[in-house]
């Protein structure tokens, strides 16, 4: 049995060494001296392919609520609280991520400190992987996730005091828009809109108009499309939104020109930015990650970790290595950007770099061979690419819809089962009472 202790400075006076994390081979029961709990079955990752974590923001929130309630409980104040996992290696990795992130968020530990406790007894955890159906090309470790959570806390992206878990779980569902905030008030990732609302390949598709009320209520002023044109951009622009096209092929990585264009648009947007590709996972997460590295100095691993916690399945295959390769150059660009901005403020100048180009004629001029017009990049896409089979984005969207439908059916089945049990029990009680009356 591997047991790691985490000191708990809880809101009430409590003994040290109260909170423990254990990796066990089987379930254990609570006793007079210890309270044991496990979330292996309660909090389960919904995978696309071979991916298995980290668990999303809603699950992390529910875990934090559960554990905090136990630590504040007067009934448990004299007991050791043991959070344990007895699942496979995937469950162990997610459990370690949960308790480690809790230590960072609620126990004020640094990521390295929390991680050192998790591995203090020679414990090892398998790394998380992407949602592709190919060979794993990039390992995301527990420490990467803890560091991502720590950065999110530092920048105010993670604040459970105003987090609406029901809203998160509602809008992440395919039928409700399939959207997630990556940086609250700045970046929203969502699945690509369609000309009209319908169900295709098992996935609910939404027209642009379906998103407009939500966008207006959340100060979203800019929409960036990264996939082929599936809807008329005027359906957003005529409603007062800016709309930009930065197409690159599904599952691929962007050119330097596209990265620069994306950053420029986001740096000059008046409000929040909604970004989408086909599924709103790979291309979308990749470019948002680039912005996070430039303007918040996140490492590639920290950016990937946080984006996946917010929106599981994001950044896929070679996109992971691309983000890692861009890390140092984007850090350097960020330093130059901040220095330039500071100098302009000190000199009383305001930089006016707002982009006034039209939606369909955005052009990046210059000698760099990667700098091509956005219109030309869009036209490089050929419909034959999708006629011959579903793209990666299509498959990911269909999988997400099916797994959510499956989880909903499980809930309905449980409810029906409980109703059935209630009816049977009621009938038996009625028959027993009737028999007792006859015997009297």
Protein backbone atom coordinates (compact mmCIF):
# COMPACT_ATOMS: atom_id res chain seq x y z
CA UNK A 1 0.00 0.00 0.00
CA UNK A 2 1.32 3.42 -0.99
CA UNK A 3 0.21 6.14 1.44
CA UNK A 4 1.28 9.76 1.10
CA UNK A 5 0.44 12.36 3.73
CA UNK A 6 -0.55 15.95 2.99
CA UNK A 7 -0.60 18.43 5.90
CA UNK A 8 -3.96 20.16 6.03
CA UNK A 9 -4.20 23.78 7.21
CA UNK A 10 -8.01 23.67 7.17
CA UNK A 11 -10.29 26.54 8.28
CA UNK A 12 -10.84 24.97 11.71
CA UNK A 13 -8.12 23.83 14.16
CA UNK A 14 -7.15 20.35 13.06
CA UNK A 15 -4.38 17.89 13.82
CA UNK A 16 -1.47 17.75 11.43
CA UNK A 17 -1.15 14.78 9.11
CA UNK A 18 -4.91 14.50 8.74
CA UNK A 19 -5.13 14.09 4.97
CA UNK A 20 -3.69 11.07 3.19
CA UNK A 21 -3.59 9.77 -0.36
CA UNK A 22 -3.30 6.03 -0.97
CA UNK A 23 -2.95 3.74 -3.96
CA UNK A 24 -4.54 0.41 -2.99
CA UNK A 25 -5.32 -2.93 -4.59
CA UNK A 26 -8.87 -3.10 -3.24
CA UNK A 27 -11.52 -1.00 -1.53
CA UNK A 28 -11.23 -0.30 2.20
CA UNK A 29 -13.81 0.64 4.80
CA UNK A 30 -13.84 3.54 7.23
CA UNK A 31 -13.18 2.84 10.91
CA UNK A 32 -13.33 4.77 14.17
CA UNK A 33 -9.88 6.22 13.46
CA UNK A 34 -10.07 6.85 9.74
CA UNK A 35 -12.51 8.02 7.09
CA UNK A 36 -11.85 6.56 3.63
CA UNK A 37 -13.31 7.61 0.31
CA UNK A 38 -12.71 6.92 -3.37
CA UNK A 39 -14.03 8.60 -6.55
CA UNK A 40 -12.81 6.08 -9.14
CA UNK A 41 -16.36 5.31 -10.29
CA UNK A 42 -18.00 8.62 -9.43
CA UNK A 43 -15.63 10.80 -11.47
CA UNK A 44 -14.90 9.04 -14.75
CA UNK A 45 -13.14 10.57 -17.75
CA UNK A 46 -15.08 10.41 -21.01
CA UNK A 47 -12.47 9.45 -23.58
CA UNK A 48 -12.38 9.98 -27.32
CA UNK A 49 -9.81 7.29 -28.16
CA UNK A 50 -6.83 6.28 -25.99
CA UNK A 51 -6.92 9.48 -23.92
CA UNK A 52 -7.91 9.10 -20.27
CA UNK A 53 -7.39 12.45 -18.56
CA UNK A 54 -6.93 14.80 -16.86
CA UNK A 55 -10.46 15.02 -15.49
CA UNK A 56 -12.24 18.20 -16.53
CA UNK A 57 -12.87 21.35 -14.53
CA UNK A 58 -16.33 20.31 -13.34
CA UNK A 59 -15.02 17.02 -11.95
CA UNK A 60 -12.14 18.81 -10.23
CA UNK A 61 -14.66 21.23 -8.72
CA UNK A 62 -16.88 18.42 -7.42
CA UNK A 63 -13.87 16.67 -5.93
CA UNK A 64 -12.78 19.86 -4.17
CA UNK A 65 -16.27 20.38 -2.74
CA UNK A 66 -16.40 16.80 -1.48
CA UNK A 67 -12.97 16.89 0.17
CA UNK A 68 -13.38 20.38 1.66
CA UNK A 69 -16.68 19.32 3.22
CA UNK A 70 -14.97 16.34 4.83
CA UNK A 71 -12.11 18.46 6.16
CA UNK A 72 -14.56 20.95 7.69
CA UNK A 73 -16.76 18.26 9.22
CA UNK A 74 -16.82 18.22 13.02
CA UNK A 75 -17.75 14.52 12.86
CA UNK A 76 -14.47 13.77 11.07
CA UNK A 77 -12.27 16.23 12.95
CA UNK A 78 -10.52 13.48 14.95
CA UNK A 79 -10.19 11.05 12.09
CA UNK A 80 -7.55 10.62 9.45
CA UNK A 81 -9.06 11.28 6.05
CA UNK A 82 -7.78 8.89 3.41
CA UNK A 83 -8.50 9.60 -0.23
CA UNK A 84 -7.60 6.46 -2.12
CA UNK A 85 -7.73 4.86 -5.53
CA UNK A 86 -7.82 1.16 -6.28
CA UNK A 87 -8.33 1.45 -10.00
CA UNK A 88 -5.96 0.82 -12.89
CA UNK A 89 -3.02 3.05 -13.77
CA UNK A 90 -5.30 5.52 -15.56
CA UNK A 91 -7.48 5.93 -12.47
CA UNK A 92 -4.36 6.31 -10.34
CA UNK A 93 -3.06 9.13 -12.54
CA UNK A 94 -6.37 11.00 -12.35
CA UNK A 95 -6.61 10.53 -8.59
CA UNK A 96 -3.07 11.88 -8.16
CA UNK A 97 -3.94 14.85 -10.38
CA UNK A 98 -7.05 15.58 -8.28
CA UNK A 99 -5.38 15.47 -4.88
CA UNK A 100 -2.27 17.25 -6.14
CA UNK A 101 -4.33 20.05 -7.69
CA UNK A 102 -6.36 20.30 -4.48
CA UNK A 103 -3.14 20.75 -2.53
CA UNK A 104 -2.06 23.53 -4.90
CA UNK A 105 -5.43 25.29 -4.82
CA UNK A 106 -6.61 24.82 -1.23
CA UNK A 107 -3.50 23.95 0.77
CA UNK A 108 -1.35 26.67 -0.81
CA UNK A 109 1.33 24.23 -1.92
CA UNK A 110 3.63 24.87 -4.83
CA UNK A 111 3.21 22.34 -7.66
CA UNK A 112 6.65 20.85 -7.04
CA UNK A 113 5.91 20.41 -3.32
CA UNK A 114 2.61 18.64 -3.93
CA UNK A 115 4.16 16.47 -6.63
CA UNK A 116 7.06 15.47 -4.38
CA UNK A 117 4.55 14.14 -1.83
CA UNK A 118 2.75 12.15 -4.49
CA UNK A 119 5.97 10.41 -5.54
CA UNK A 120 7.61 10.30 -2.10
CA UNK A 121 7.23 6.53 -1.74
CA UNK A 122 8.59 5.76 -5.19
CA UNK A 123 5.11 6.06 -6.64
CA UNK A 124 4.93 6.45 -10.39
CA UNK A 125 2.03 7.55 -12.56
CA UNK A 126 1.57 7.06 -16.26
CA UNK A 127 1.47 10.31 -18.27
CA UNK A 128 -1.68 11.59 -19.92
CA UNK A 129 -1.90 11.51 -23.71
CA UNK A 130 -3.82 13.22 -26.51
CA UNK A 131 -7.18 12.30 -28.03
CA UNK A 132 -5.80 11.06 -31.35
CA UNK A 133 -6.20 7.54 -32.69
CA UNK A 134 -2.50 7.19 -33.50
CA UNK A 135 0.68 6.62 -31.54
CA UNK A 136 1.21 8.90 -28.56
CA UNK A 137 3.62 11.66 -29.61
CA UNK A 138 3.68 13.73 -26.41
CA UNK A 139 3.49 12.91 -22.70
CA UNK A 140 1.67 15.23 -20.31
CA UNK A 141 2.75 14.50 -16.73
CA UNK A 142 1.04 15.06 -13.38
CA UNK A 143 3.46 17.89 -12.57
CA UNK A 144 2.52 19.63 -15.84
CA UNK A 145 -1.12 19.60 -14.74
CA UNK A 146 -0.30 20.92 -11.26
CA UNK A 147 1.73 23.73 -12.80
CA UNK A 148 -1.10 24.51 -15.20
CA UNK A 149 -3.55 24.75 -12.28
CA UNK A 150 -1.10 26.97 -10.38
CA UNK A 151 -0.75 29.37 -13.32
CA UNK A 152 -4.54 29.47 -13.70
CA UNK A 153 -4.82 30.45 -10.04
CA UNK A 154 -2.16 33.13 -10.43
CA UNK A 155 -3.94 34.75 -13.37
CA UNK A 156 -7.44 34.43 -11.92
CA UNK A 157 -8.69 31.95 -14.50
CA UNK A 158 -9.48 29.44 -11.76
CA UNK A 159 -11.79 30.75 -9.06
CA UNK A 160 -14.34 28.35 -7.64
CA UNK A 161 -16.02 31.11 -5.61
CA UNK A 162 -17.79 32.22 -8.80
CA UNK A 163 -17.64 29.00 -10.82
CA UNK A 164 -21.01 27.71 -12.01
CA UNK A 165 -20.55 23.97 -12.39
CA UNK A 166 -24.07 23.42 -13.74
CA UNK A 167 -23.45 26.02 -16.45
CA UNK A 168 -20.12 24.42 -17.36
CA UNK A 169 -21.69 20.98 -17.67
CA UNK A 170 -24.67 22.34 -19.59
CA UNK A 171 -22.76 24.19 -22.31
CA UNK A 172 -20.07 21.55 -22.79
CA UNK A 173 -22.71 19.17 -24.07
CA UNK A 174 -23.02 18.88 -27.84
CA UNK A 175 -26.73 19.67 -27.88
CA UNK A 176 -26.17 22.86 -25.89
CA UNK A 177 -23.37 24.36 -27.98
CA UNK A 178 -20.26 22.34 -27.09
CA UNK A 179 -18.35 25.33 -25.73
CA UNK A 180 -15.88 26.00 -22.92
CA UNK A 181 -14.11 29.06 -21.57
CA UNK A 182 -10.33 28.61 -21.61
CA UNK A 183 -9.53 32.06 -20.22
CA UNK A 184 -12.72 33.50 -18.67
CA UNK A 185 -13.60 36.79 -20.30
CA UNK A 186 -10.96 36.35 -23.02
CA UNK A 187 -11.09 33.02 -24.92
CA UNK A 188 -14.02 30.73 -25.59
CA UNK A 189 -13.47 27.51 -27.57
CA UNK A 190 -16.48 26.03 -29.34
CA UNK A 191 -17.48 23.57 -32.03
CA UNK A 192 -17.87 24.98 -35.53
CA UNK A 193 -21.33 26.30 -36.48
CA UNK A 194 -23.24 24.92 -39.46
CA UNK A 195 -25.51 26.59 -42.05
CA UNK A 196 -28.55 25.24 -40.21
CA UNK A 197 -29.24 23.41 -36.98
CA UNK A 198 -29.50 19.65 -37.46
CA UNK A 199 -28.01 16.32 -36.40
CA UNK A 200 -25.25 14.97 -38.65
CA UNK A 201 -23.16 11.82 -38.05
CA UNK A 202 -24.74 11.61 -34.62
CA UNK A 203 -23.65 15.11 -33.65
CA UNK A 204 -26.03 18.07 -33.07
CA UNK A 205 -24.98 20.97 -35.31
CA UNK A 206 -25.94 24.55 -34.53
CA UNK A 207 -26.43 27.54 -36.81
CA UNK A 208 -24.54 30.78 -35.99
CA UNK A 209 -27.76 32.33 -34.66
CA UNK A 210 -27.86 29.71 -31.89
CA UNK A 211 -24.68 31.17 -30.38
CA UNK A 212 -25.42 34.88 -30.76
CA UNK A 213 -27.48 35.42 -27.56
CA UNK A 214 -24.81 33.70 -25.45
CA UNK A 215 -22.01 35.65 -27.14
CA UNK A 216 -23.74 38.96 -26.52
CA UNK A 217 -24.41 38.13 -22.88
CA UNK A 218 -20.72 37.31 -22.34
CA UNK A 219 -19.13 40.27 -24.15
CA UNK A 220 -17.80 38.21 -27.04
CA UNK A 221 -17.05 40.62 -29.89
CA UNK A 222 -14.85 38.53 -32.20
CA UNK A 223 -15.27 35.14 -33.88
CA UNK A 224 -12.30 33.36 -35.45
CA UNK A 225 -12.91 30.45 -37.82
CA UNK A 226 -10.05 27.99 -38.46
CA UNK A 227 -11.83 25.38 -40.56
CA UNK A 228 -13.37 25.44 -44.04
CA UNK A 229 -16.29 27.81 -44.61
CA UNK A 230 -19.40 25.97 -43.50
CA UNK A 231 -21.55 29.07 -42.94
CA UNK A 232 -21.73 32.63 -44.25
CA UNK A 233 -19.63 34.94 -42.05
CA UNK A 234 -22.21 37.68 -42.54
CA UNK A 235 -24.49 35.82 -40.15
CA UNK A 236 -22.10 36.97 -37.42
CA UNK A 237 -20.93 40.30 -38.87
CA UNK A 238 -24.47 41.54 -39.52
CA UNK A 239 -25.18 40.92 -35.84
CA UNK A 240 -22.30 43.17 -34.83
CA UNK A 241 -19.47 40.66 -34.41
CA UNK A 242 -16.07 40.79 -36.05
CA UNK A 243 -15.33 37.62 -38.00
CA UNK A 244 -11.95 36.37 -39.24
CA UNK A 245 -10.95 33.34 -41.33
CA UNK A 246 -7.59 31.66 -40.66
CA UNK A 247 -7.93 28.27 -42.30
CA UNK A 248 -5.47 25.40 -41.96
CA UNK A 249 -6.08 21.69 -42.53
CA UNK A 250 -7.79 19.60 -39.87
CA UNK A 251 -5.23 17.87 -37.63
CA UNK A 252 -2.33 19.96 -38.95
CA UNK A 253 -0.32 22.86 -37.52
CA UNK A 254 -0.61 26.54 -38.48
CA UNK A 255 1.96 28.50 -40.49
CA UNK A 256 3.88 31.28 -38.79
CA UNK A 257 1.75 33.73 -40.77
CA UNK A 258 -1.45 32.31 -39.28
CA UNK A 259 -0.01 32.38 -35.76
CA UNK A 260 0.99 36.05 -36.17
CA UNK A 261 -2.38 36.94 -37.62
CA UNK A 262 -4.23 35.17 -34.82
CA UNK A 263 -2.17 36.90 -32.14
CA UNK A 264 -2.67 40.28 -33.79
CA UNK A 265 -6.43 39.86 -33.97
CA UNK A 266 -6.64 38.79 -30.33
CA UNK A 267 -4.35 41.58 -29.11
CA UNK A 268 -6.67 44.15 -30.68
CA UNK A 269 -10.08 42.64 -29.96
CA UNK A 270 -12.41 44.87 -27.96
CA UNK A 271 -14.01 42.05 -26.04
CA UNK A 272 -13.76 38.29 -25.65
CA UNK A 273 -12.88 36.03 -28.57
CA UNK A 274 -14.74 32.88 -29.64
CA UNK A 275 -12.51 30.48 -31.58
CA UNK A 276 -13.64 27.42 -33.49
CA UNK A 277 -12.45 24.85 -36.01
CA UNK A 278 -14.43 21.70 -36.87
CA UNK A 279 -14.64 20.22 -33.36
CA UNK A 280 -13.12 23.18 -31.52
CA UNK A 281 -10.36 20.98 -30.11
CA UNK A 282 -7.16 20.64 -32.14
CA UNK A 283 -6.61 23.76 -34.20
CA UNK A 284 -8.55 25.89 -31.72
CA UNK A 285 -6.54 24.76 -28.70
CA UNK A 286 -3.26 25.09 -30.57
CA UNK A 287 -3.67 28.79 -31.36
CA UNK A 288 -5.13 29.68 -27.96
CA UNK A 289 -2.12 27.92 -26.44
CA UNK A 290 0.20 30.12 -28.51
CA UNK A 291 -1.46 33.24 -27.10
CA UNK A 292 -1.13 31.91 -23.55
CA UNK A 293 2.59 31.29 -24.03
CA UNK A 294 3.22 34.76 -25.48
CA UNK A 295 1.15 36.83 -23.07
CA UNK A 296 1.15 34.76 -19.87
CA UNK A 297 4.52 33.00 -20.14
CA UNK A 298 3.02 29.55 -19.73
CA UNK A 299 5.18 26.67 -20.83
CA UNK A 300 3.83 24.50 -23.63
CA UNK A 301 3.02 21.72 -21.16
CA UNK A 302 1.24 24.11 -18.78
CA UNK A 303 -0.84 25.53 -21.62
CA UNK A 304 -1.78 22.09 -22.95
CA UNK A 305 -2.65 20.90 -19.44
CA UNK A 306 -4.90 23.85 -18.60
CA UNK A 307 -6.65 23.84 -21.98
CA UNK A 308 -7.40 20.12 -21.64
CA UNK A 309 -8.69 20.58 -18.09
CA UNK A 310 -11.09 23.20 -19.46
CA UNK A 311 -11.86 21.38 -22.71
CA UNK A 312 -10.80 17.70 -22.79
CA UNK A 313 -9.41 16.42 -26.08
CA UNK A 314 -7.76 19.68 -27.09
CA UNK A 315 -4.45 19.90 -29.00
CA UNK A 316 -3.87 16.68 -30.88
CA UNK A 317 -1.00 14.75 -32.49
CA UNK A 318 1.69 16.96 -34.08
CA UNK A 319 -0.01 20.05 -32.67
CA UNK A 320 1.46 19.16 -29.28
CA UNK A 321 5.01 19.20 -30.59
CA UNK A 322 4.27 22.38 -32.54
CA UNK A 323 3.21 24.20 -29.36
CA UNK A 324 6.36 22.96 -27.62
CA UNK A 325 8.56 24.10 -30.53
CA UNK A 326 6.98 27.58 -30.47
CA UNK A 327 7.42 28.06 -26.73
CA UNK A 328 10.74 29.93 -26.59
CA UNK A 329 10.07 32.17 -29.58
CA UNK A 330 6.66 33.15 -28.22
CA UNK A 331 8.17 33.90 -24.81
CA UNK A 332 10.64 36.21 -26.55
CA UNK A 333 7.86 37.85 -28.57
CA UNK A 334 5.92 38.39 -25.37
CA UNK A 335 8.87 40.13 -23.72
CA UNK A 336 9.20 42.48 -26.70
CA UNK A 337 5.44 43.13 -26.75
CA UNK A 338 5.31 44.01 -23.05
CA UNK A 339 8.38 46.24 -23.25
CA UNK A 340 6.95 48.07 -26.25
CA UNK A 341 3.58 48.51 -24.57
CA UNK A 342 5.23 49.82 -21.40
CA UNK A 343 7.31 52.34 -23.35
CA UNK A 344 4.26 53.57 -25.23
CA UNK A 345 2.38 54.10 -21.99
CA UNK A 346 5.28 55.93 -20.39
CA UNK A 347 5.57 58.20 -23.44
CA UNK A 348 1.85 58.91 -23.39
CA UNK A 349 1.27 57.24 -26.72
CA UNK A 350 -1.45 54.84 -27.63
CA UNK A 351 -0.68 52.19 -30.20
CA UNK A 352 -3.39 51.98 -32.81
CA UNK A 353 -2.99 48.70 -34.66
CA UNK A 354 -6.62 47.74 -35.01
CA UNK A 355 -7.29 45.54 -38.01
CA UNK A 356 -9.88 47.05 -40.37
CA UNK A 357 -9.64 44.48 -43.15
CA UNK A 358 -12.76 42.80 -44.47
CA UNK A 359 -13.64 39.26 -43.61
CA UNK A 360 -12.83 37.76 -47.01
CA UNK A 361 -9.84 39.86 -48.07
CA UNK A 362 -7.49 39.65 -45.10
CA UNK A 363 -3.96 39.77 -46.47
CA UNK A 364 -0.62 39.52 -44.69
CA UNK A 365 1.97 41.43 -46.70
CA UNK A 366 5.72 40.89 -46.49
CA UNK A 367 8.60 38.93 -47.88
CA UNK A 368 8.20 35.87 -45.65
CA UNK A 369 7.20 32.99 -47.91
CA UNK A 370 4.78 31.76 -45.20
CA UNK A 371 2.84 35.02 -45.39
CA UNK A 372 -0.06 34.37 -47.72
CA UNK A 373 -3.50 35.90 -47.94
CA UNK A 374 -6.14 34.31 -45.77
CA UNK A 375 -8.36 33.96 -48.83
CA UNK A 376 -5.73 31.92 -50.63
CA UNK A 377 -5.24 29.65 -47.62
CA UNK A 378 -8.96 29.02 -47.46
CA UNK A 379 -9.11 28.17 -51.15
CA UNK A 380 -6.35 25.58 -50.77
CA UNK A 381 -8.93 23.41 -49.04
CA UNK A 382 -10.63 20.98 -51.39
CA UNK A 383 -14.05 19.51 -50.66
CA UNK A 384 -12.69 16.16 -51.89
CA UNK A 385 -10.79 15.99 -48.58
CA UNK A 386 -14.11 15.38 -46.83
CA UNK A 387 -16.01 13.60 -49.59
CA UNK A 388 -13.63 10.67 -49.30
CA UNK A 389 -14.25 10.25 -45.59
CA UNK A 390 -14.84 11.97 -42.26
CA UNK A 391 -12.12 14.26 -41.00
CA UNK A 392 -10.58 14.05 -37.54
CA UNK A 393 -12.88 16.85 -36.37
CA UNK A 394 -15.98 15.02 -37.61
CA UNK A 395 -15.01 11.86 -35.75
CA UNK A 396 -14.22 13.69 -32.51
CA UNK A 397 -17.52 15.55 -32.57
CA UNK A 398 -19.48 12.36 -33.23
CA UNK A 399 -17.67 10.55 -30.41
CA UNK A 400 -18.38 13.35 -27.95
CA UNK A 401 -22.07 13.38 -28.81
CA UNK A 402 -22.39 9.59 -28.54
CA UNK A 403 -20.63 9.33 -25.19
CA UNK A 404 -22.76 12.13 -23.73
CA UNK A 405 -25.91 10.47 -25.02
CA UNK A 406 -24.70 7.22 -23.46
CA UNK A 407 -24.15 8.87 -20.06
CA UNK A 408 -27.62 10.43 -20.25
CA UNK A 409 -29.17 7.03 -21.02
CA UNK A 410 -27.45 5.58 -17.96
CA UNK A 411 -29.06 8.24 -15.78
CA UNK A 412 -32.47 7.53 -17.31
CA UNK A 413 -31.95 3.79 -16.80
CA UNK A 414 -31.10 4.32 -13.13
CA UNK A 415 -34.19 6.49 -12.65
CA UNK A 416 -36.42 3.91 -14.34
CA UNK A 417 -34.87 1.17 -12.23
CA UNK A 418 -35.57 3.13 -9.05
CA UNK A 419 -39.15 3.74 -10.15
CA UNK A 420 -39.51 0.02 -10.86
CA UNK A 421 -38.17 -0.85 -7.41
CA UNK A 422 -40.57 1.66 -5.85
CA UNK A 423 -43.57 0.15 -7.68
CA UNK A 424 -42.62 -3.43 -6.75
CA UNK A 425 -42.03 -2.44 -3.11
CA UNK A 426 -45.33 -0.58 -2.95
CA UNK A 427 -47.21 -3.56 -4.40
CA UNK A 428 -45.62 -5.92 -1.88
CA UNK A 429 -46.46 -3.61 1.02
CA UNK A 430 -50.05 -3.31 -0.24
CA UNK A 431 -50.38 -7.09 -0.55
CA UNK A 432 -48.90 -7.61 2.93
CA UNK A 433 -51.26 -5.07 4.50
CA UNK A 434 -54.21 -6.66 2.71
CA UNK A 435 -53.20 -10.10 4.02
CA UNK A 436 -52.83 -8.77 7.56
CA UNK A 437 -56.31 -7.24 7.32
CA UNK A 438 -57.81 -10.57 6.18
CA UNK A 439 -56.12 -12.44 9.03
CA UNK A 440 -57.63 -10.04 11.51
